[in-house]
Each structure stands twice: as structure tokens, then as C-alpha cells.
Amino acid sequence: MRRWPAALTLVLLLAGCGGKAPATEFPAWEVPSPTASAPLTLKEAKGRYLSIVAPYNTALDELQEALRAGKPWRTVRKLAGAVATTSAAHAEQLRTTAWPAPVQAPVAALLKENEVALRHWQSAAEATGAQALMREIRAAAAHDGGAEANRVRKSLGLPVYKKP
């Protein structure tokens, strides 16, 4: 413990005995500026994209299965809420990821289409009746972003998604 004061005193004494040499001025320390993350490689971007959209695709599949099975509209409304939630989450993740240059424009187009669909998914989740629910689901489906998602997939070297 006592070594620090002694070492500091020695350094100060030696620094003071430097003769006539000019004092060295060090540049003022600056807070590093925040920098954007480096874009992902295409290989990294493929995995990132697939992991981002997986929960949304799962929620959408569950909704479609419920519709095909003729589930009660309140059940479908709840599933539409899950689609809305996962859609909002995946849009945020897509927006905040540093995509490689060839992927940036297709992702931006997908996000625009998703924004329109998201409003309808949210309205579907709040529907007070079967007709309103189905109207909002059809409106959301009209903006499913399938063409835009396929452009993203192509730019990543992934196979395009084909609807069953």
C-alpha cells in the first residue's frame, strides 16, 4: 500500500529534474464518438434475417391454421395479436441491424410494407367482431410484404419463399 505514494513521489521528483527540455503536451482526452456497427457479412446477414423473421412466420402460420380450421373469431383475434406483436418486434430488429449494402434497399422496402400491414394487424387484434377482424386480416394480407421479402432473400442468396 505504501509503495504508491513513494513511487509517485519519485516520478514527480524525476520529472521536475528534467533540465530545460520543454514540457511535453499531451492531447486532451476526448470521449470516443459513437460509431455505427460495421455491416454484417452476407453469411452473417443470412442467419440474422432468418432468426429475425422466424417468430413472425410462426405466428402467421398459427393464424392461418386457425382460420383454415374454422376456429372461433376470438381465438383468431388473439392469434392476430401475436402476429402484430411479432411483426412489430421483427420490424424493429430489421431496422436496427447493420445490413450489407446489397440488402439495405430490399430491407427498407420490406419495412415500408410491414408498416402498413402492422396497422391492420393491430386493428385485427382489437376487433370487436368477426367481420371487423376478417376485414383487417385481409387488409394486412394485402400488404404481406411477400415480394419485398423475396427480394431480401434473393439479395442474401436465400431461396425465395413460395406460398403453399
N, C-alpha and C. Protein backbone atom coordinates (compact mmCIF):
# COMPACT_ATOMS: atom_id res chain seq x y z
N MET A 1 0.82 -1.19 0.00
CA MET A 1 0.00 0.00 0.00
C MET A 1 0.87 1.26 0.00
N ARG A 2 1.97 1.24 0.73
CA ARG A 2 2.82 2.42 0.86
C ARG A 2 3.69 2.62 -0.38
N ARG A 3 3.73 1.66 -1.25
CA ARG A 3 4.58 1.78 -2.44
C ARG A 3 4.08 2.87 -3.38
N TRP A 4 2.77 3.02 -3.52
CA TRP A 4 2.22 4.01 -4.44
C TRP A 4 2.66 5.43 -4.10
N PRO A 5 2.54 5.88 -2.85
CA PRO A 5 2.99 7.26 -2.55
C PRO A 5 4.48 7.43 -2.81
N ALA A 6 5.27 6.42 -2.47
CA ALA A 6 6.71 6.53 -2.69
C ALA A 6 7.03 6.57 -4.17
N ALA A 7 6.38 5.72 -4.96
CA ALA A 7 6.62 5.70 -6.41
C ALA A 7 6.17 7.01 -7.05
N LEU A 8 5.06 7.53 -6.59
CA LEU A 8 4.54 8.78 -7.14
C LEU A 8 5.50 9.92 -6.82
N THR A 9 6.04 9.95 -5.62
CA THR A 9 6.99 10.99 -5.23
C THR A 9 8.24 10.90 -6.09
N LEU A 10 8.73 9.70 -6.33
CA LEU A 10 9.92 9.51 -7.15
C LEU A 10 9.68 9.99 -8.58
N VAL A 11 8.53 9.66 -9.14
CA VAL A 11 8.20 10.09 -10.51
C VAL A 11 8.13 11.60 -10.58
N LEU A 12 7.51 12.23 -9.59
CA LEU A 12 7.39 13.69 -9.58
C LEU A 12 8.77 14.35 -9.45
N LEU A 13 9.63 13.80 -8.63
CA LEU A 13 10.97 14.35 -8.47
C LEU A 13 11.76 14.23 -9.77
N LEU A 14 11.70 13.06 -10.40
CA LEU A 14 12.43 12.87 -11.65
C LEU A 14 11.87 13.77 -12.75
N ALA A 15 10.60 13.96 -12.79
CA ALA A 15 10.00 14.81 -13.80
C ALA A 15 10.42 16.26 -13.60
N GLY A 16 10.59 16.66 -12.36
CA GLY A 16 10.99 18.04 -12.06
C GLY A 16 12.46 18.28 -12.35
N CYS A 17 13.27 17.26 -12.47
CA CYS A 17 14.71 17.41 -12.69
C CYS A 17 15.06 17.26 -14.16
N GLY A 18 14.19 17.58 -15.01
CA GLY A 18 14.41 17.34 -16.42
C GLY A 18 15.24 18.39 -17.10
N GLY A 19 15.72 19.38 -16.45
CA GLY A 19 16.51 20.41 -17.10
C GLY A 19 15.63 21.37 -17.86
N LYS A 20 16.15 21.86 -19.00
CA LYS A 20 15.45 22.89 -19.75
C LYS A 20 14.62 22.34 -20.90
N ALA A 21 14.45 21.05 -20.96
CA ALA A 21 13.65 20.46 -22.03
C ALA A 21 12.21 20.93 -21.89
N PRO A 22 11.61 21.31 -23.00
CA PRO A 22 10.22 21.77 -22.92
C PRO A 22 9.30 20.64 -22.44
N ALA A 23 8.31 21.05 -21.72
CA ALA A 23 7.33 20.08 -21.23
C ALA A 23 6.55 19.51 -22.41
N THR A 24 6.33 18.22 -22.35
CA THR A 24 5.57 17.57 -23.42
C THR A 24 4.09 17.78 -23.16
N GLU A 25 3.41 18.23 -24.17
CA GLU A 25 1.97 18.42 -24.03
C GLU A 25 1.27 17.24 -24.69
N PHE A 26 0.37 16.67 -23.95
CA PHE A 26 -0.40 15.56 -24.46
C PHE A 26 -1.76 16.09 -24.91
N PRO A 27 -2.27 15.53 -25.97
CA PRO A 27 -3.60 15.99 -26.42
C PRO A 27 -4.65 15.68 -25.35
N ALA A 28 -5.62 16.55 -25.28
CA ALA A 28 -6.71 16.34 -24.33
C ALA A 28 -7.45 15.07 -24.69
N TRP A 29 -7.85 14.34 -23.67
CA TRP A 29 -8.61 13.11 -23.90
C TRP A 29 -10.01 13.47 -24.34
N GLU A 30 -10.47 12.82 -25.36
CA GLU A 30 -11.82 13.06 -25.86
C GLU A 30 -12.64 11.79 -25.73
N VAL A 31 -13.91 11.98 -25.46
CA VAL A 31 -14.82 10.86 -25.40
C VAL A 31 -14.94 10.29 -26.81
N PRO A 32 -14.74 9.01 -26.99
CA PRO A 32 -14.87 8.44 -28.33
C PRO A 32 -16.28 8.67 -28.87
N SER A 33 -16.35 9.03 -30.12
CA SER A 33 -17.66 9.24 -30.72
C SER A 33 -18.30 7.89 -31.02
N PRO A 34 -19.61 7.82 -30.84
CA PRO A 34 -20.26 6.54 -31.15
C PRO A 34 -20.19 6.29 -32.65
N THR A 35 -19.85 5.10 -33.00
CA THR A 35 -19.77 4.75 -34.42
C THR A 35 -20.79 3.68 -34.73
N ALA A 36 -21.24 3.70 -35.94
CA ALA A 36 -22.20 2.69 -36.36
C ALA A 36 -21.50 1.34 -36.42
N SER A 37 -22.25 0.33 -36.15
CA SER A 37 -21.70 -1.03 -36.25
C SER A 37 -21.33 -1.31 -37.70
N ALA A 38 -20.31 -2.08 -37.85
CA ALA A 38 -19.92 -2.49 -39.20
C ALA A 38 -21.02 -3.38 -39.76
N PRO A 39 -21.31 -3.24 -41.05
CA PRO A 39 -22.34 -4.10 -41.63
C PRO A 39 -21.97 -5.58 -41.49
N LEU A 40 -22.99 -6.39 -41.38
CA LEU A 40 -22.79 -7.83 -41.31
C LEU A 40 -22.24 -8.33 -42.64
N THR A 41 -21.57 -9.45 -42.60
CA THR A 41 -21.19 -10.11 -43.84
C THR A 41 -22.46 -10.75 -44.40
N LEU A 42 -22.42 -11.14 -45.66
CA LEU A 42 -23.61 -11.79 -46.24
C LEU A 42 -23.96 -13.07 -45.48
N LYS A 43 -22.95 -13.82 -45.09
CA LYS A 43 -23.20 -15.06 -44.35
C LYS A 43 -23.87 -14.76 -43.01
N GLU A 44 -23.35 -13.77 -42.30
CA GLU A 44 -23.95 -13.37 -41.02
C GLU A 44 -25.37 -12.85 -41.23
N ALA A 45 -25.54 -12.07 -42.31
CA ALA A 45 -26.84 -11.47 -42.59
C ALA A 45 -27.90 -12.54 -42.88
N LYS A 46 -27.51 -13.60 -43.56
CA LYS A 46 -28.46 -14.69 -43.83
C LYS A 46 -29.02 -15.24 -42.53
N GLY A 47 -28.14 -15.60 -41.63
CA GLY A 47 -28.57 -16.16 -40.35
C GLY A 47 -29.37 -15.17 -39.53
N ARG A 48 -28.94 -13.92 -39.55
CA ARG A 48 -29.64 -12.89 -38.78
C ARG A 48 -31.05 -12.69 -39.32
N TYR A 49 -31.18 -12.59 -40.63
CA TYR A 49 -32.50 -12.39 -41.24
C TYR A 49 -33.44 -13.55 -40.88
N LEU A 50 -32.96 -14.76 -41.05
CA LEU A 50 -33.81 -15.92 -40.76
C LEU A 50 -34.22 -15.97 -39.29
N SER A 51 -33.32 -15.62 -38.40
CA SER A 51 -33.68 -15.63 -36.97
C SER A 51 -34.64 -14.51 -36.62
N ILE A 52 -34.54 -13.38 -37.31
CA ILE A 52 -35.44 -12.25 -37.04
C ILE A 52 -36.86 -12.58 -37.48
N VAL A 53 -37.03 -13.16 -38.66
CA VAL A 53 -38.38 -13.37 -39.20
C VAL A 53 -39.04 -14.66 -38.72
N ALA A 54 -38.28 -15.54 -38.09
CA ALA A 54 -38.85 -16.84 -37.66
C ALA A 54 -40.05 -16.70 -36.73
N PRO A 55 -39.99 -15.88 -35.67
CA PRO A 55 -41.16 -15.77 -34.78
C PRO A 55 -42.41 -15.22 -35.51
N TYR A 56 -42.20 -14.25 -36.38
CA TYR A 56 -43.32 -13.70 -37.16
C TYR A 56 -43.92 -14.77 -38.06
N ASN A 57 -43.07 -15.52 -38.76
CA ASN A 57 -43.57 -16.56 -39.65
C ASN A 57 -44.33 -17.63 -38.88
N THR A 58 -43.84 -17.99 -37.70
CA THR A 58 -44.53 -18.97 -36.87
C THR A 58 -45.90 -18.46 -36.44
N ALA A 59 -45.96 -17.21 -35.99
CA ALA A 59 -47.24 -16.63 -35.56
C ALA A 59 -48.22 -16.56 -36.74
N LEU A 60 -47.72 -16.21 -37.90
CA LEU A 60 -48.57 -16.14 -39.08
C LEU A 60 -49.08 -17.52 -39.48
N ASP A 61 -48.23 -18.53 -39.41
CA ASP A 61 -48.64 -19.91 -39.71
C ASP A 61 -49.73 -20.37 -38.75
N GLU A 62 -49.58 -20.06 -37.47
CA GLU A 62 -50.59 -20.46 -36.48
C GLU A 62 -51.93 -19.78 -36.75
N LEU A 63 -51.88 -18.52 -37.16
CA LEU A 63 -53.11 -17.80 -37.51
C LEU A 63 -53.78 -18.45 -38.72
N GLN A 64 -52.99 -18.74 -39.73
CA GLN A 64 -53.54 -19.36 -40.94
C GLN A 64 -54.14 -20.73 -40.64
N GLU A 65 -53.50 -21.50 -39.79
CA GLU A 65 -54.04 -22.81 -39.40
C GLU A 65 -55.37 -22.65 -38.67
N ALA A 66 -55.47 -21.66 -37.80
CA ALA A 66 -56.71 -21.43 -37.06
C ALA A 66 -57.83 -21.01 -38.01
N LEU A 67 -57.50 -20.19 -39.00
CA LEU A 67 -58.51 -19.78 -39.98
C LEU A 67 -58.99 -20.98 -40.79
N ARG A 68 -58.06 -21.80 -41.26
CA ARG A 68 -58.43 -22.99 -42.03
C ARG A 68 -59.27 -23.97 -41.21
N ALA A 69 -58.98 -24.05 -39.92
CA ALA A 69 -59.70 -24.98 -39.04
C ALA A 69 -61.04 -24.41 -38.57
N GLY A 70 -61.33 -23.16 -38.95
CA GLY A 70 -62.60 -22.54 -38.56
C GLY A 70 -62.71 -22.26 -37.06
N LYS A 71 -61.60 -21.89 -36.45
CA LYS A 71 -61.59 -21.58 -35.01
C LYS A 71 -62.46 -20.36 -34.74
N PRO A 72 -62.97 -20.23 -33.50
CA PRO A 72 -63.79 -19.06 -33.15
C PRO A 72 -63.03 -17.75 -33.38
N TRP A 73 -63.79 -16.70 -33.71
CA TRP A 73 -63.15 -15.44 -34.06
C TRP A 73 -62.33 -14.85 -32.92
N ARG A 74 -62.71 -15.11 -31.69
CA ARG A 74 -61.92 -14.59 -30.56
C ARG A 74 -60.55 -15.28 -30.49
N THR A 75 -60.51 -16.55 -30.84
CA THR A 75 -59.24 -17.27 -30.91
C THR A 75 -58.38 -16.69 -32.02
N VAL A 76 -58.99 -16.45 -33.16
CA VAL A 76 -58.28 -15.87 -34.30
C VAL A 76 -57.80 -14.46 -33.95
N ARG A 77 -58.62 -13.70 -33.23
CA ARG A 77 -58.22 -12.34 -32.82
C ARG A 77 -56.97 -12.40 -31.94
N LYS A 78 -56.95 -13.35 -31.03
CA LYS A 78 -55.78 -13.49 -30.16
C LYS A 78 -54.53 -13.82 -30.98
N LEU A 79 -54.68 -14.69 -31.96
CA LEU A 79 -53.56 -15.03 -32.83
C LEU A 79 -53.14 -13.84 -33.71
N ALA A 80 -54.11 -13.03 -34.11
CA ALA A 80 -53.78 -11.81 -34.86
C ALA A 80 -52.96 -10.87 -33.98
N GLY A 81 -53.27 -10.85 -32.69
CA GLY A 81 -52.47 -10.05 -31.76
C GLY A 81 -51.03 -10.54 -31.68
N ALA A 82 -50.86 -11.87 -31.72
CA ALA A 82 -49.50 -12.43 -31.71
C ALA A 82 -48.76 -12.06 -33.00
N VAL A 83 -49.48 -12.05 -34.11
CA VAL A 83 -48.86 -11.63 -35.38
C VAL A 83 -48.44 -10.17 -35.29
N ALA A 84 -49.31 -9.33 -34.72
CA ALA A 84 -48.99 -7.90 -34.57
C ALA A 84 -47.75 -7.71 -33.70
N THR A 85 -47.70 -8.43 -32.60
CA THR A 85 -46.57 -8.30 -31.68
C THR A 85 -45.26 -8.74 -32.33
N THR A 86 -45.29 -9.89 -32.98
CA THR A 86 -44.06 -10.38 -33.61
C THR A 86 -43.68 -9.54 -34.83
N SER A 87 -44.68 -8.99 -35.50
CA SER A 87 -44.41 -8.12 -36.65
C SER A 87 -43.69 -6.85 -36.19
N ALA A 88 -44.17 -6.26 -35.11
CA ALA A 88 -43.53 -5.05 -34.58
C ALA A 88 -42.10 -5.35 -34.13
N ALA A 89 -41.93 -6.50 -33.47
CA ALA A 89 -40.59 -6.86 -32.98
C ALA A 89 -39.63 -7.13 -34.14
N HIS A 90 -40.10 -7.84 -35.15
CA HIS A 90 -39.17 -8.14 -36.24
C HIS A 90 -38.86 -6.89 -37.06
N ALA A 91 -39.82 -5.97 -37.16
CA ALA A 91 -39.55 -4.71 -37.86
C ALA A 91 -38.46 -3.92 -37.14
N GLU A 92 -38.53 -3.87 -35.83
CA GLU A 92 -37.51 -3.15 -35.06
C GLU A 92 -36.14 -3.79 -35.23
N GLN A 93 -36.10 -5.11 -35.22
CA GLN A 93 -34.82 -5.81 -35.39
C GLN A 93 -34.28 -5.61 -36.81
N LEU A 94 -35.15 -5.64 -37.79
CA LEU A 94 -34.71 -5.40 -39.17
C LEU A 94 -34.15 -3.97 -39.30
N ARG A 95 -34.83 -3.03 -38.65
CA ARG A 95 -34.45 -1.63 -38.73
C ARG A 95 -33.09 -1.36 -38.06
N THR A 96 -32.79 -2.06 -37.00
CA THR A 96 -31.58 -1.76 -36.23
C THR A 96 -30.38 -2.63 -36.58
N THR A 97 -30.54 -3.51 -37.54
CA THR A 97 -29.42 -4.36 -37.95
C THR A 97 -28.62 -3.65 -39.03
N ALA A 98 -27.30 -3.75 -38.95
CA ALA A 98 -26.41 -3.16 -39.97
C ALA A 98 -26.28 -4.16 -41.12
N TRP A 99 -27.14 -4.02 -42.11
CA TRP A 99 -27.18 -4.94 -43.24
C TRP A 99 -26.08 -4.63 -44.23
N PRO A 100 -25.59 -5.64 -44.97
CA PRO A 100 -24.63 -5.37 -46.05
C PRO A 100 -25.31 -4.51 -47.13
N ALA A 101 -24.52 -3.78 -47.86
CA ALA A 101 -25.05 -2.83 -48.86
C ALA A 101 -26.10 -3.43 -49.79
N PRO A 102 -25.90 -4.63 -50.36
CA PRO A 102 -26.90 -5.15 -51.30
C PRO A 102 -28.26 -5.47 -50.66
N VAL A 103 -28.29 -5.54 -49.35
CA VAL A 103 -29.51 -5.94 -48.65
C VAL A 103 -30.28 -4.72 -48.12
N GLN A 104 -29.64 -3.59 -48.03
CA GLN A 104 -30.24 -2.42 -47.39
C GLN A 104 -31.52 -1.94 -48.07
N ALA A 105 -31.51 -1.79 -49.38
CA ALA A 105 -32.71 -1.30 -50.08
C ALA A 105 -33.86 -2.30 -50.00
N PRO A 106 -33.63 -3.59 -50.22
CA PRO A 106 -34.74 -4.53 -50.08
C PRO A 106 -35.32 -4.57 -48.66
N VAL A 107 -34.47 -4.44 -47.64
CA VAL A 107 -34.97 -4.42 -46.26
C VAL A 107 -35.80 -3.16 -46.03
N ALA A 108 -35.34 -2.04 -46.55
CA ALA A 108 -36.10 -0.79 -46.40
C ALA A 108 -37.48 -0.91 -47.04
N ALA A 109 -37.56 -1.53 -48.20
CA ALA A 109 -38.85 -1.72 -48.87
C ALA A 109 -39.74 -2.66 -48.05
N LEU A 110 -39.16 -3.70 -47.50
CA LEU A 110 -39.92 -4.63 -46.65
C LEU A 110 -40.46 -3.91 -45.42
N LEU A 111 -39.66 -3.05 -44.84
CA LEU A 111 -40.11 -2.31 -43.65
C LEU A 111 -41.28 -1.36 -43.97
N LYS A 112 -41.25 -0.75 -45.14
CA LYS A 112 -42.36 0.13 -45.53
C LYS A 112 -43.67 -0.65 -45.66
N GLU A 113 -43.58 -1.79 -46.29
CA GLU A 113 -44.77 -2.63 -46.46
C GLU A 113 -45.23 -3.16 -45.10
N ASN A 114 -44.30 -3.54 -44.27
CA ASN A 114 -44.62 -4.05 -42.94
C ASN A 114 -45.33 -2.99 -42.10
N GLU A 115 -44.94 -1.75 -42.27
CA GLU A 115 -45.56 -0.66 -41.51
C GLU A 115 -47.06 -0.56 -41.80
N VAL A 116 -47.42 -0.71 -43.06
CA VAL A 116 -48.83 -0.67 -43.45
C VAL A 116 -49.56 -1.89 -42.88
N ALA A 117 -48.98 -3.06 -43.04
CA ALA A 117 -49.62 -4.29 -42.55
C ALA A 117 -49.76 -4.26 -41.03
N LEU A 118 -48.76 -3.72 -40.34
CA LEU A 118 -48.78 -3.71 -38.88
C LEU A 118 -50.00 -2.96 -38.34
N ARG A 119 -50.34 -1.86 -38.96
CA ARG A 119 -51.53 -1.11 -38.51
C ARG A 119 -52.78 -2.00 -38.59
N HIS A 120 -52.88 -2.79 -39.64
CA HIS A 120 -54.04 -3.67 -39.79
C HIS A 120 -53.99 -4.84 -38.81
N TRP A 121 -52.79 -5.38 -38.55
CA TRP A 121 -52.68 -6.45 -37.57
C TRP A 121 -53.08 -5.94 -36.18
N GLN A 122 -52.67 -4.74 -35.86
CA GLN A 122 -53.04 -4.17 -34.56
C GLN A 122 -54.55 -3.94 -34.48
N SER A 123 -55.15 -3.48 -35.56
CA SER A 123 -56.60 -3.31 -35.57
C SER A 123 -57.31 -4.65 -35.48
N ALA A 124 -56.78 -5.66 -36.13
CA ALA A 124 -57.36 -7.01 -36.05
C ALA A 124 -57.32 -7.51 -34.61
N ALA A 125 -56.23 -7.24 -33.92
CA ALA A 125 -56.08 -7.68 -32.53
C ALA A 125 -57.07 -6.99 -31.60
N GLU A 126 -57.61 -5.86 -32.03
CA GLU A 126 -58.57 -5.10 -31.22
C GLU A 126 -60.00 -5.19 -31.75
N ALA A 127 -60.21 -6.00 -32.76
CA ALA A 127 -61.53 -6.10 -33.40
C ALA A 127 -62.59 -6.53 -32.37
N THR A 128 -63.78 -5.98 -32.56
CA THR A 128 -64.88 -6.29 -31.64
C THR A 128 -65.90 -7.25 -32.25
N GLY A 129 -65.57 -7.73 -33.43
CA GLY A 129 -66.46 -8.69 -34.07
C GLY A 129 -65.75 -9.43 -35.19
N ALA A 130 -66.38 -10.53 -35.63
CA ALA A 130 -65.77 -11.38 -36.64
C ALA A 130 -65.58 -10.65 -37.97
N GLN A 131 -66.57 -9.83 -38.37
CA GLN A 131 -66.44 -9.14 -39.66
C GLN A 131 -65.30 -8.13 -39.65
N ALA A 132 -65.20 -7.37 -38.59
CA ALA A 132 -64.11 -6.39 -38.49
C ALA A 132 -62.76 -7.10 -38.45
N LEU A 133 -62.71 -8.21 -37.73
CA LEU A 133 -61.48 -9.00 -37.65
C LEU A 133 -61.05 -9.46 -39.03
N MET A 134 -61.96 -10.06 -39.77
CA MET A 134 -61.61 -10.58 -41.09
C MET A 134 -61.26 -9.46 -42.07
N ARG A 135 -61.93 -8.33 -41.96
CA ARG A 135 -61.61 -7.18 -42.82
C ARG A 135 -60.16 -6.73 -42.59
N GLU A 136 -59.75 -6.66 -41.33
CA GLU A 136 -58.39 -6.22 -41.00
C GLU A 136 -57.35 -7.27 -41.40
N ILE A 137 -57.68 -8.53 -41.23
CA ILE A 137 -56.75 -9.59 -41.64
C ILE A 137 -56.55 -9.55 -43.15
N ARG A 138 -57.64 -9.36 -43.91
CA ARG A 138 -57.49 -9.26 -45.38
C ARG A 138 -56.66 -8.02 -45.76
N ALA A 139 -56.88 -6.92 -45.06
CA ALA A 139 -56.12 -5.70 -45.35
C ALA A 139 -54.63 -5.91 -45.03
N ALA A 140 -54.35 -6.59 -43.93
CA ALA A 140 -52.95 -6.88 -43.57
C ALA A 140 -52.33 -7.81 -44.61
N ALA A 141 -53.09 -8.81 -45.02
CA ALA A 141 -52.59 -9.77 -46.00
C ALA A 141 -52.27 -9.11 -47.34
N ALA A 142 -53.00 -8.06 -47.66
CA ALA A 142 -52.74 -7.33 -48.91
C ALA A 142 -51.38 -6.64 -48.88
N HIS A 143 -50.84 -6.49 -47.68
CA HIS A 143 -49.52 -5.86 -47.52
C HIS A 143 -48.57 -6.82 -46.81
N ASP A 144 -48.61 -8.08 -47.21
CA ASP A 144 -47.83 -9.11 -46.51
C ASP A 144 -46.33 -8.99 -46.74
N GLY A 145 -45.93 -8.18 -47.70
CA GLY A 145 -44.50 -7.98 -47.93
C GLY A 145 -43.82 -9.17 -48.59
N GLY A 146 -44.60 -10.07 -49.17
CA GLY A 146 -44.02 -11.26 -49.78
C GLY A 146 -43.03 -10.94 -50.88
N ALA A 147 -43.37 -10.02 -51.77
CA ALA A 147 -42.46 -9.66 -52.87
C ALA A 147 -41.20 -9.01 -52.31
N GLU A 148 -41.37 -8.15 -51.33
CA GLU A 148 -40.23 -7.46 -50.73
C GLU A 148 -39.34 -8.46 -49.97
N ALA A 149 -39.97 -9.37 -49.24
CA ALA A 149 -39.21 -10.39 -48.51
C ALA A 149 -38.42 -11.27 -49.47
N ASN A 150 -39.02 -11.58 -50.61
CA ASN A 150 -38.29 -12.39 -51.59
C ASN A 150 -37.11 -11.63 -52.19
N ARG A 151 -37.24 -10.30 -52.31
CA ARG A 151 -36.09 -9.51 -52.78
C ARG A 151 -34.97 -9.53 -51.73
N VAL A 152 -35.36 -9.47 -50.45
CA VAL A 152 -34.36 -9.59 -49.38
C VAL A 152 -33.69 -10.95 -49.46
N ARG A 153 -34.50 -11.98 -49.59
CA ARG A 153 -33.96 -13.34 -49.64
C ARG A 153 -33.01 -13.51 -50.83
N LYS A 154 -33.39 -12.98 -51.99
CA LYS A 154 -32.52 -13.07 -53.17
C LYS A 154 -31.20 -12.35 -52.92
N SER A 155 -31.28 -11.16 -52.32
CA SER A 155 -30.05 -10.38 -52.08
C SER A 155 -29.14 -11.08 -51.07
N LEU A 156 -29.71 -11.95 -50.24
CA LEU A 156 -28.93 -12.73 -49.28
C LEU A 156 -28.49 -14.08 -49.82
N GLY A 157 -28.97 -14.42 -51.01
CA GLY A 157 -28.63 -15.71 -51.58
C GLY A 157 -29.47 -16.83 -51.00
N LEU A 158 -30.63 -16.50 -50.46
CA LEU A 158 -31.55 -17.50 -49.91
C LEU A 158 -32.61 -17.84 -50.95
N PRO A 159 -33.15 -19.04 -50.89
CA PRO A 159 -34.25 -19.36 -51.83
C PRO A 159 -35.47 -18.50 -51.52
N VAL A 160 -36.21 -18.17 -52.56
CA VAL A 160 -37.42 -17.38 -52.36
C VAL A 160 -38.48 -18.22 -51.69
N TYR A 161 -39.36 -17.54 -50.98
CA TYR A 161 -40.43 -18.22 -50.27
C TYR A 161 -41.60 -18.41 -51.22
N LYS A 162 -42.09 -19.61 -51.30
CA LYS A 162 -43.25 -19.89 -52.15
C LYS A 162 -44.43 -20.22 -51.27
N LYS A 163 -45.53 -19.53 -51.54
CA LYS A 163 -46.74 -19.77 -50.76
C LYS A 163 -47.29 -21.16 -51.06
N PRO A 164 -47.74 -21.86 -50.01
CA PRO A 164 -48.30 -23.21 -50.25
C PRO A 164 -49.58 -23.18 -51.03
